[in-house]
Amino acid sequence: MSTVTFDTLKYVERLKAGGVSDVQARAMAEAQVEVFSETTSNILATKQDVARLELKLTEHDGEFKLIKWMIGLLLGGVAALILKAFF
């Protein structure tokens, strides 16, 4: 799991300097830390996620090559028919 470095003391001091009470500033800092931890645990991909994705892509590589060839042949056939119709 990835972590975000967040200086809660600096955050609280900055809020207090802005006129927020100590209790509110501490509650806001705790809420911010909670939000950061939830966000990073739900969005960021782990090394295992990337490895699984690479494995799936290599498994489907042959299918991608086949599709490329089929599209190429199809476009070549259509081009031949268009040329035959006009020349």
PDB file of N, CA and C in Angstrom:
ATOM      1  N   MET A   1       0.838  -1.173   0.000  1.00  0.00           N
ATOM      2  CA  MET A   1       0.000   0.000   0.000  1.00  0.00           C
ATOM      3  C   MET A   1       0.881   1.233   0.000  1.00  0.00           C
ATOM      4  N   SER A   2       0.506   2.209  -0.747  1.00  0.00           N
ATOM      5  CA  SER A   2       1.258   3.442  -0.851  1.00  0.00           C
ATOM      6  C   SER A   2       0.794   4.415   0.225  1.00  0.00           C
ATOM      7  N   THR A   3       1.731   5.183   0.763  1.00  0.00           N
ATOM      8  CA  THR A   3       1.372   6.148   1.792  1.00  0.00           C
ATOM      9  C   THR A   3       1.693   7.558   1.313  1.00  0.00           C
ATOM     10  N   VAL A   4       0.951   8.499   1.839  1.00  0.00           N
ATOM     11  CA  VAL A   4       1.175   9.904   1.527  1.00  0.00           C
ATOM     12  C   VAL A   4       1.739  10.562   2.766  1.00  0.00           C
ATOM     13  N   THR A   5       2.834  11.280   2.613  1.00  0.00           N
ATOM     14  CA  THR A   5       3.417  12.000   3.731  1.00  0.00           C
ATOM     15  C   THR A   5       2.633  13.286   3.927  1.00  0.00           C
ATOM     16  N   PHE A   6       2.095  13.441   5.125  1.00  0.00           N
ATOM     17  CA  PHE A   6       1.260  14.605   5.425  1.00  0.00           C
ATOM     18  C   PHE A   6       1.615  15.090   6.814  1.00  0.00           C
ATOM     19  N   ASP A   7       2.108  16.308   6.909  1.00  0.00           N
ATOM     20  CA  ASP A   7       2.528  16.889   8.185  1.00  0.00           C
ATOM     21  C   ASP A   7       1.307  17.487   8.884  1.00  0.00           C
ATOM     22  N   THR A   8       0.734  16.709   9.796  1.00  0.00           N
ATOM     23  CA  THR A   8      -0.486  17.152  10.473  1.00  0.00           C
ATOM     24  C   THR A   8      -0.213  18.330  11.407  1.00  0.00           C
ATOM     25  N   LEU A   9       0.952  18.350  12.046  1.00  0.00           N
ATOM     26  CA  LEU A   9       1.260  19.457  12.951  1.00  0.00           C
ATOM     27  C   LEU A   9       1.326  20.783  12.184  1.00  0.00           C
ATOM     28  N   LYS A  10       1.996  20.769  11.047  1.00  0.00           N
ATOM     29  CA  LYS A  10       2.090  21.979  10.229  1.00  0.00           C
ATOM     30  C   LYS A  10       0.707  22.406   9.747  1.00  0.00           C
ATOM     31  N   TYR A  11      -0.116  21.432   9.385  1.00  0.00           N
ATOM     32  CA  TYR A  11      -1.477  21.709   8.917  1.00  0.00           C
ATOM     33  C   TYR A  11      -2.308  22.340  10.032  1.00  0.00           C
ATOM     34  N   VAL A  12      -2.215  21.773  11.236  1.00  0.00           N
ATOM     35  CA  VAL A  12      -2.955  22.307  12.382  1.00  0.00           C
ATOM     36  C   VAL A  12      -2.483  23.717  12.707  1.00  0.00           C
ATOM     37  N   GLU A  13      -1.162  23.932  12.721  1.00  0.00           N
ATOM     38  CA  GLU A  13      -0.628  25.257  13.023  1.00  0.00           C
ATOM     39  C   GLU A  13      -1.078  26.284  11.986  1.00  0.00           C
ATOM     40  N   ARG A  14      -1.111  25.893  10.736  1.00  0.00           N
ATOM     41  CA  ARG A  14      -1.542  26.814   9.676  1.00  0.00           C
ATOM     42  C   ARG A  14      -3.027  27.158   9.831  1.00  0.00           C
ATOM     43  N   LEU A  15      -3.838  26.158  10.187  1.00  0.00           N
ATOM     44  CA  LEU A  15      -5.263  26.427  10.407  1.00  0.00           C
ATOM     45  C   LEU A  15      -5.466  27.341  11.612  1.00  0.00           C
ATOM     46  N   LYS A  16      -4.722  27.075  12.680  1.00  0.00           N
ATOM     47  CA  LYS A  16      -4.841  27.917  13.875  1.00  0.00           C
ATOM     48  C   LYS A  16      -4.411  29.349  13.574  1.00  0.00           C
ATOM     49  N   ALA A  17      -3.386  29.519  12.749  1.00  0.00           N
ATOM     50  CA  ALA A  17      -2.940  30.861  12.372  1.00  0.00           C
ATOM     51  C   ALA A  17      -4.001  31.569  11.531  1.00  0.00           C
ATOM     52  N   GLY A  18      -4.820  30.789  10.850  1.00  0.00           N
ATOM     53  CA  GLY A  18      -5.894  31.362  10.042  1.00  0.00           C
ATOM     54  C   GLY A  18      -7.156  31.657  10.824  1.00  0.00           C
ATOM     55  N   GLY A  19      -7.165  31.337  12.112  1.00  0.00           N
ATOM     56  CA  GLY A  19      -8.312  31.672  12.944  1.00  0.00           C
ATOM     57  C   GLY A  19      -9.190  30.501  13.323  1.00  0.00           C
ATOM     58  N   VAL A  20      -8.787  29.302  12.984  1.00  0.00           N
ATOM     59  CA  VAL A  20      -9.581  28.115  13.322  1.00  0.00           C
ATOM     60  C   VAL A  20      -9.197  27.676  14.734  1.00  0.00           C
ATOM     61  N   SER A  21     -10.187  27.216  15.513  1.00  0.00           N
ATOM     62  CA  SER A  21      -9.896  26.786  16.883  1.00  0.00           C
ATOM     63  C   SER A  21      -9.052  25.516  16.868  1.00  0.00           C
ATOM     64  N   ASP A  22      -8.380  25.267  17.996  1.00  0.00           N
ATOM     65  CA  ASP A  22      -7.477  24.114  18.104  1.00  0.00           C
ATOM     66  C   ASP A  22      -8.224  22.798  17.897  1.00  0.00           C
ATOM     67  N   VAL A  23      -9.391  22.668  18.483  1.00  0.00           N
ATOM     68  CA  VAL A  23     -10.171  21.433  18.372  1.00  0.00           C
ATOM     69  C   VAL A  23     -10.591  21.199  16.924  1.00  0.00           C
ATOM     70  N   GLN A  24     -11.059  22.244  16.262  1.00  0.00           N
ATOM     71  CA  GLN A  24     -11.474  22.111  14.872  1.00  0.00           C
ATOM     72  C   GLN A  24     -10.277  21.804  13.972  1.00  0.00           C
ATOM     73  N   ALA A  25      -9.159  22.444  14.227  1.00  0.00           N
ATOM     74  CA  ALA A  25      -7.965  22.223  13.411  1.00  0.00           C
ATOM     75  C   ALA A  25      -7.489  20.779  13.525  1.00  0.00           C
ATOM     76  N   ARG A  26      -7.507  20.244  14.742  1.00  0.00           N
ATOM     77  CA  ARG A  26      -7.089  18.848  14.927  1.00  0.00           C
ATOM     78  C   ARG A  26      -8.062  17.889  14.243  1.00  0.00           C
ATOM     79  N   ALA A  27      -9.357  18.167  14.339  1.00  0.00           N
ATOM     80  CA  ALA A  27     -10.355  17.318  13.694  1.00  0.00           C
ATOM     81  C   ALA A  27     -10.190  17.366  12.171  1.00  0.00           C
ATOM     82  N   MET A  28      -9.908  18.546  11.640  1.00  0.00           N
ATOM     83  CA  MET A  28      -9.710  18.664  10.197  1.00  0.00           C
ATOM     84  C   MET A  28      -8.464  17.901   9.756  1.00  0.00           C
ATOM     85  N   ALA A  29      -7.413  17.957  10.552  1.00  0.00           N
ATOM     86  CA  ALA A  29      -6.176  17.246  10.212  1.00  0.00           C
ATOM     87  C   ALA A  29      -6.407  15.735  10.226  1.00  0.00           C
ATOM     88  N   GLU A  30      -7.122  15.240  11.218  1.00  0.00           N
ATOM     89  CA  GLU A  30      -7.422  13.808  11.281  1.00  0.00           C
ATOM     90  C   GLU A  30      -8.281  13.381  10.092  1.00  0.00           C
ATOM     91  N   ALA A  31      -9.255  14.199   9.738  1.00  0.00           N
ATOM     92  CA  ALA A  31     -10.111  13.888   8.589  1.00  0.00           C
ATOM     93  C   ALA A  31      -9.294  13.874   7.302  1.00  0.00           C
ATOM     94  N   GLN A  32      -8.353  14.805   7.167  1.00  0.00           N
ATOM     95  CA  GLN A  32      -7.516  14.863   5.970  1.00  0.00           C
ATOM     96  C   GLN A  32      -6.638  13.621   5.852  1.00  0.00           C
ATOM     97  N   VAL A  33      -6.067  13.175   6.960  1.00  0.00           N
ATOM     98  CA  VAL A  33      -5.251  11.957   6.944  1.00  0.00           C
ATOM     99  C   VAL A  33      -6.100  10.760   6.537  1.00  0.00           C
ATOM    100  N   GLU A  34      -7.322  10.688   7.053  1.00  0.00           N
ATOM    101  CA  GLU A  34      -8.222   9.588   6.709  1.00  0.00           C
ATOM    102  C   GLU A  34      -8.565   9.596   5.222  1.00  0.00           C
ATOM    103  N   VAL A  35      -8.827  10.765   4.685  1.00  0.00           N
ATOM    104  CA  VAL A  35      -9.151  10.886   3.259  1.00  0.00           C
ATOM    105  C   VAL A  35      -7.962  10.456   2.412  1.00  0.00           C
ATOM    106  N   PHE A  36      -6.756  10.905   2.774  1.00  0.00           N
ATOM    107  CA  PHE A  36      -5.561  10.512   2.026  1.00  0.00           C
ATOM    108  C   PHE A  36      -5.370   9.003   2.042  1.00  0.00           C
ATOM    109  N   SER A  37      -5.556   8.373   3.186  1.00  0.00           N
ATOM    110  CA  SER A  37      -5.336   6.924   3.271  1.00  0.00           C
ATOM    111  C   SER A  37      -6.380   6.157   2.457  1.00  0.00           C
ATOM    112  N   GLU A  38      -7.628   6.602   2.466  1.00  0.00           N
ATOM    113  CA  GLU A  38      -8.662   5.943   1.672  1.00  0.00           C
ATOM    114  C   GLU A  38      -8.417   6.126   0.186  1.00  0.00           C
ATOM    115  N   THR A  39      -8.017   7.313  -0.191  1.00  0.00           N
ATOM    116  CA  THR A  39      -7.801   7.608  -1.601  1.00  0.00           C
ATOM    117  C   THR A  39      -6.655   6.791  -2.164  1.00  0.00           C
ATOM    118  N   THR A  40      -5.546   6.740  -1.465  1.00  0.00           N
ATOM    119  CA  THR A  40      -4.392   6.019  -1.997  1.00  0.00           C
ATOM    120  C   THR A  40      -4.612   4.515  -1.997  1.00  0.00           C
ATOM    121  N   SER A  41      -5.375   4.001  -1.068  1.00  0.00           N
ATOM    122  CA  SER A  41      -5.584   2.554  -1.042  1.00  0.00           C
ATOM    123  C   SER A  41      -6.565   2.107  -2.122  1.00  0.00           C
ATOM    124  N   ASN A  42      -7.426   2.990  -2.610  1.00  0.00           N
ATOM    125  CA  ASN A  42      -8.428   2.607  -3.590  1.00  0.00           C
ATOM    126  C   ASN A  42      -8.047   2.914  -5.027  1.00  0.00           C
ATOM    127  N   ILE A  43      -7.102   3.816  -5.253  1.00  0.00           N
ATOM    128  CA  ILE A  43      -6.837   4.259  -6.609  1.00  0.00           C
ATOM    129  C   ILE A  43      -5.516   3.746  -7.161  1.00  0.00           C
ATOM    130  N   LEU A  44      -4.481   3.762  -6.380  1.00  0.00           N
ATOM    131  CA  LEU A  44      -3.160   3.426  -6.888  1.00  0.00           C
ATOM    132  C   LEU A  44      -3.020   1.939  -7.160  1.00  0.00           C
ATOM    133  N   ALA A  45      -2.360   1.615  -8.257  1.00  0.00           N
ATOM    134  CA  ALA A  45      -2.128   0.219  -8.608  1.00  0.00           C
ATOM    135  C   ALA A  45      -0.888  -0.288  -7.875  1.00  0.00           C
ATOM    136  N   THR A  46      -0.950  -1.522  -7.454  1.00  0.00           N
ATOM    137  CA  THR A  46       0.206  -2.142  -6.809  1.00  0.00           C
ATOM    138  C   THR A  46       1.063  -2.830  -7.862  1.00  0.00           C
ATOM    139  N   LYS A  47       2.220  -3.300  -7.454  1.00  0.00           N
ATOM    140  CA  LYS A  47       3.089  -4.022  -8.376  1.00  0.00           C
ATOM    141  C   LYS A  47       2.408  -5.300  -8.861  1.00  0.00           C
ATOM    142  N   GLN A  48       1.620  -5.925  -8.008  1.00  0.00           N
ATOM    143  CA  GLN A  48       0.904  -7.133  -8.403  1.00  0.00           C
ATOM    144  C   GLN A  48      -0.152  -6.814  -9.462  1.00  0.00           C
ATOM    145  N   ASP A  49      -0.823  -5.667  -9.329  1.00  0.00           N
ATOM    146  CA  ASP A  49      -1.808  -5.260 -10.338  1.00  0.00           C
ATOM    147  C   ASP A  49      -1.151  -5.070 -11.697  1.00  0.00           C
ATOM    148  N   VAL A  50      -0.011  -4.407 -11.709  1.00  0.00           N
ATOM    149  CA  VAL A  50       0.707  -4.167 -12.959  1.00  0.00           C
ATOM    150  C   VAL A  50       1.189  -5.486 -13.559  1.00  0.00           C
ATOM    151  N   ALA A  51       1.681  -6.393 -12.725  1.00  0.00           N
ATOM    152  CA  ALA A  51       2.158  -7.691 -13.216  1.00  0.00           C
ATOM    153  C   ALA A  51       1.017  -8.488 -13.831  1.00  0.00           C
ATOM    154  N   ARG A  52      -0.160  -8.479 -13.187  1.00  0.00           N
ATOM    155  CA  ARG A  52      -1.318  -9.188 -13.742  1.00  0.00           C
ATOM    156  C   ARG A  52      -1.737  -8.592 -15.077  1.00  0.00           C
ATOM    157  N   LEU A  53      -1.702  -7.269 -15.183  1.00  0.00           N
ATOM    158  CA  LEU A  53      -2.071  -6.610 -16.420  1.00  0.00           C
ATOM    159  C   LEU A  53      -1.096  -6.950 -17.536  1.00  0.00           C
ATOM    160  N   GLU A  54       0.207  -6.944 -17.239  1.00  0.00           N
ATOM    161  CA  GLU A  54       1.205  -7.309 -18.240  1.00  0.00           C
ATOM    162  C   GLU A  54       1.012  -8.749 -18.697  1.00  0.00           C
ATOM    163  N   LEU A  55       0.699  -9.646 -17.776  1.00  0.00           N
ATOM    164  CA  LEU A  55       0.475 -11.049 -18.118  1.00  0.00           C
ATOM    165  C   LEU A  55      -0.724 -11.184 -19.049  1.00  0.00           C
ATOM    166  N   LYS A  56      -1.810 -10.492 -18.749  1.00  0.00           N
ATOM    167  CA  LYS A  56      -2.992 -10.567 -19.612  1.00  0.00           C
ATOM    168  C   LYS A  56      -2.710  -9.999 -20.998  1.00  0.00           C
ATOM    169  N   LEU A  57      -1.941  -8.911 -21.056  1.00  0.00           N
ATOM    170  CA  LEU A  57      -1.617  -8.330 -22.359  1.00  0.00           C
ATOM    171  C   LEU A  57      -0.752  -9.266 -23.188  1.00  0.00           C
ATOM    172  N   THR A  58       0.196  -9.954 -22.562  1.00  0.00           N
ATOM    173  CA  THR A  58       1.025 -10.890 -23.319  1.00  0.00           C
ATOM    174  C   THR A  58       0.204 -12.104 -23.751  1.00  0.00           C
ATOM    175  N   GLU A  59      -0.790 -12.497 -22.959  1.00  0.00           N
ATOM    176  CA  GLU A  59      -1.660 -13.612 -23.345  1.00  0.00           C
ATOM    177  C   GLU A  59      -2.479 -13.261 -24.589  1.00  0.00           C
ATOM    178  N   HIS A  60      -2.874 -12.014 -24.704  1.00  0.00           N
ATOM    179  CA  HIS A  60      -3.728 -11.588 -25.819  1.00  0.00           C
ATOM    180  C   HIS A  60      -2.931 -11.035 -27.002  1.00  0.00           C
ATOM    181  N   ASP A  61      -1.620 -11.078 -26.938  1.00  0.00           N
ATOM    182  CA  ASP A  61      -0.792 -10.510 -27.999  1.00  0.00           C
ATOM    183  C   ASP A  61      -1.043 -11.190 -29.343  1.00  0.00           C
ATOM    184  N   GLY A  62      -1.176 -12.502 -29.351  1.00  0.00           N
ATOM    185  CA  GLY A  62      -1.450 -13.227 -30.589  1.00  0.00           C
ATOM    186  C   GLY A  62      -2.777 -12.839 -31.199  1.00  0.00           C
ATOM    187  N   GLU A  63      -3.780 -12.625 -30.359  1.00  0.00           N
ATOM    188  CA  GLU A  63      -5.093 -12.207 -30.854  1.00  0.00           C
ATOM    189  C   GLU A  63      -5.017 -10.823 -31.490  1.00  0.00           C
ATOM    190  N   PHE A  64      -4.234  -9.930 -30.886  1.00  0.00           N
ATOM    191  CA  PHE A  64      -4.082  -8.589 -31.446  1.00  0.00           C
ATOM    192  C   PHE A  64      -3.424  -8.646 -32.818  1.00  0.00           C
ATOM    193  N   LYS A  65      -2.412  -9.489 -32.967  1.00  0.00           N
ATOM    194  CA  LYS A  65      -1.734  -9.617 -34.259  1.00  0.00           C
ATOM    195  C   LYS A  65      -2.697 -10.168 -35.314  1.00  0.00           C
ATOM    196  N   LEU A  66      -3.514 -11.142 -34.939  1.00  0.00           N
ATOM    197  CA  LEU A  66      -4.488 -11.705 -35.864  1.00  0.00           C
ATOM    198  C   LEU A  66      -5.490 -10.647 -36.313  1.00  0.00           C
ATOM    199  N   ILE A  67      -5.966  -9.857 -35.379  1.00  0.00           N
ATOM    200  CA  ILE A  67      -6.926  -8.806 -35.713  1.00  0.00           C
ATOM    201  C   ILE A  67      -6.286  -7.787 -36.650  1.00  0.00           C
ATOM    202  N   LYS A  68      -5.036  -7.426 -36.417  1.00  0.00           N
ATOM    203  CA  LYS A  68      -4.341  -6.485 -37.306  1.00  0.00           C
ATOM    204  C   LYS A  68      -4.271  -7.040 -38.729  1.00  0.00           C
ATOM    205  N   TRP A  69      -3.919  -8.307 -38.861  1.00  0.00           N
ATOM    206  CA  TRP A  69      -3.840  -8.920 -40.188  1.00  0.00           C
ATOM    207  C   TRP A  69      -5.202  -8.952 -40.861  1.00  0.00           C
ATOM    208  N   MET A  70      -6.234  -9.288 -40.110  1.00  0.00           N
ATOM    209  CA  MET A  70      -7.574  -9.359 -40.683  1.00  0.00           C
ATOM    210  C   MET A  70      -8.035  -7.988 -41.160  1.00  0.00           C
ATOM    211  N   ILE A  71      -7.779  -6.953 -40.389  1.00  0.00           N
ATOM    212  CA  ILE A  71      -8.164  -5.597 -40.792  1.00  0.00           C
ATOM    213  C   ILE A  71      -7.367  -5.172 -42.019  1.00  0.00           C
ATOM    214  N   GLY A  72      -6.080  -5.510 -42.042  1.00  0.00           N
ATOM    215  CA  GLY A  72      -5.255  -5.180 -43.203  1.00  0.00           C
ATOM    216  C   GLY A  72      -5.762  -5.833 -44.470  1.00  0.00           C
ATOM    217  N   LEU A  73      -6.094  -7.118 -44.384  1.00  0.00           N
ATOM    218  CA  LEU A  73      -6.620  -7.822 -45.553  1.00  0.00           C
ATOM    219  C   LEU A  73      -7.968  -7.268 -45.981  1.00  0.00           C
ATOM    220  N   LEU A  74      -8.803  -6.939 -45.031  1.00  0.00           N
ATOM    221  CA  LEU A  74     -10.108  -6.362 -45.335  1.00  0.00           C
ATOM    222  C   LEU A  74      -9.953  -5.022 -46.050  1.00  0.00           C
ATOM    223  N   LEU A  75      -9.090  -4.165 -45.539  1.00  0.00           N
ATOM    224  CA  LEU A  75      -8.874  -2.867 -46.182  1.00  0.00           C
ATOM    225  C   LEU A  75      -8.250  -3.037 -47.570  1.00  0.00           C
ATOM    226  N   GLY A  76      -7.352  -4.004 -47.715  1.00  0.00           N
ATOM    227  CA  GLY A  76      -6.776  -4.273 -49.028  1.00  0.00           C
ATOM    228  C   GLY A  76      -7.832  -4.740 -50.020  1.00  0.00           C
ATOM    229  N   GLY A  77      -8.733  -5.596 -49.592  1.00  0.00           N
ATOM    230  CA  GLY A  77      -9.812  -6.070 -50.454  1.00  0.00           C
ATOM    231  C   GLY A  77     -10.743  -4.947 -50.862  1.00  0.00           C
ATOM    232  N   VAL A  78     -11.094  -4.085 -49.925  1.00  0.00           N
ATOM    233  CA  VAL A  78     -11.966  -2.954 -50.229  1.00  0.00           C
ATOM    234  C   VAL A  78     -11.275  -2.019 -51.201  1.00  0.00           C
ATOM    235  N   ALA A  79      -9.987  -1.756 -50.996  1.00  0.00           N
ATOM    236  CA  ALA A  79      -9.241  -0.887 -51.916  1.00  0.00           C
ATOM    237  C   ALA A  79      -9.194  -1.498 -53.310  1.00  0.00           C
ATOM    238  N   ALA A  80      -9.011  -2.837 -53.395  1.00  0.00           N
ATOM    239  CA  ALA A  80      -8.989  -3.489 -54.697  1.00  0.00           C
ATOM    240  C   ALA A  80     -10.329  -3.370 -55.408  1.00  0.00           C
ATOM    241  N   LEU A  81     -11.425  -3.534 -54.677  1.00  0.00           N
ATOM    242  CA  LEU A  81     -12.748  -3.391 -55.281  1.00  0.00           C
ATOM    243  C   LEU A  81     -13.012  -1.960 -55.752  1.00  0.00           C
ATOM    244  N   ILE A  82     -12.572  -0.983 -54.979  1.00  0.00           N
ATOM    245  CA  ILE A  82     -12.753   0.405 -55.400  1.00  0.00           C
ATOM    246  C   ILE A  82     -11.942   0.693 -56.647  1.00  0.00           C
ATOM    247  N   LEU A  83     -10.695   0.223 -56.696  1.00  0.00           N
ATOM    248  CA  LEU A  83      -9.859   0.442 -57.880  1.00  0.00           C
ATOM    249  C   LEU A  83     -10.441  -0.257 -59.104  1.00  0.00           C
ATOM    250  N   LYS A  84     -10.971  -1.462 -58.907  1.00  0.00           N
ATOM    251  CA  LYS A  84     -11.557  -2.218 -60.016  1.00  0.00           C
ATOM    252  C   LYS A  84     -12.797  -1.503 -60.567  1.00  0.00           C
ATOM    253  N   ALA A  85     -13.574  -0.868 -59.648  1.00  0.00           N
ATOM    254  CA  ALA A  85     -14.784  -0.202 -60.096  1.00  0.00           C
ATOM    255  C   ALA A  85     -14.498   1.050 -60.912  1.00  0.00           C
ATOM    256  N   PHE A  86     -13.416   1.722 -60.639  1.00  0.00           N
ATOM    257  CA  PHE A  86     -13.129   2.975 -61.335  1.00  0.00           C
ATOM    258  C   PHE A  86     -12.109   2.845 -62.456  1.00  0.00           C
ATOM    259  N   PHE A  87     -11.383   1.749 -62.544  1.00  0.00           N
ATOM    260  CA  PHE A  87     -10.358   1.613 -63.594  1.00  0.00           C
ATOM    261  C   PHE A  87     -10.587   0.408 -64.428  1.00  0.00           C
TER     262      PHE A  87
END
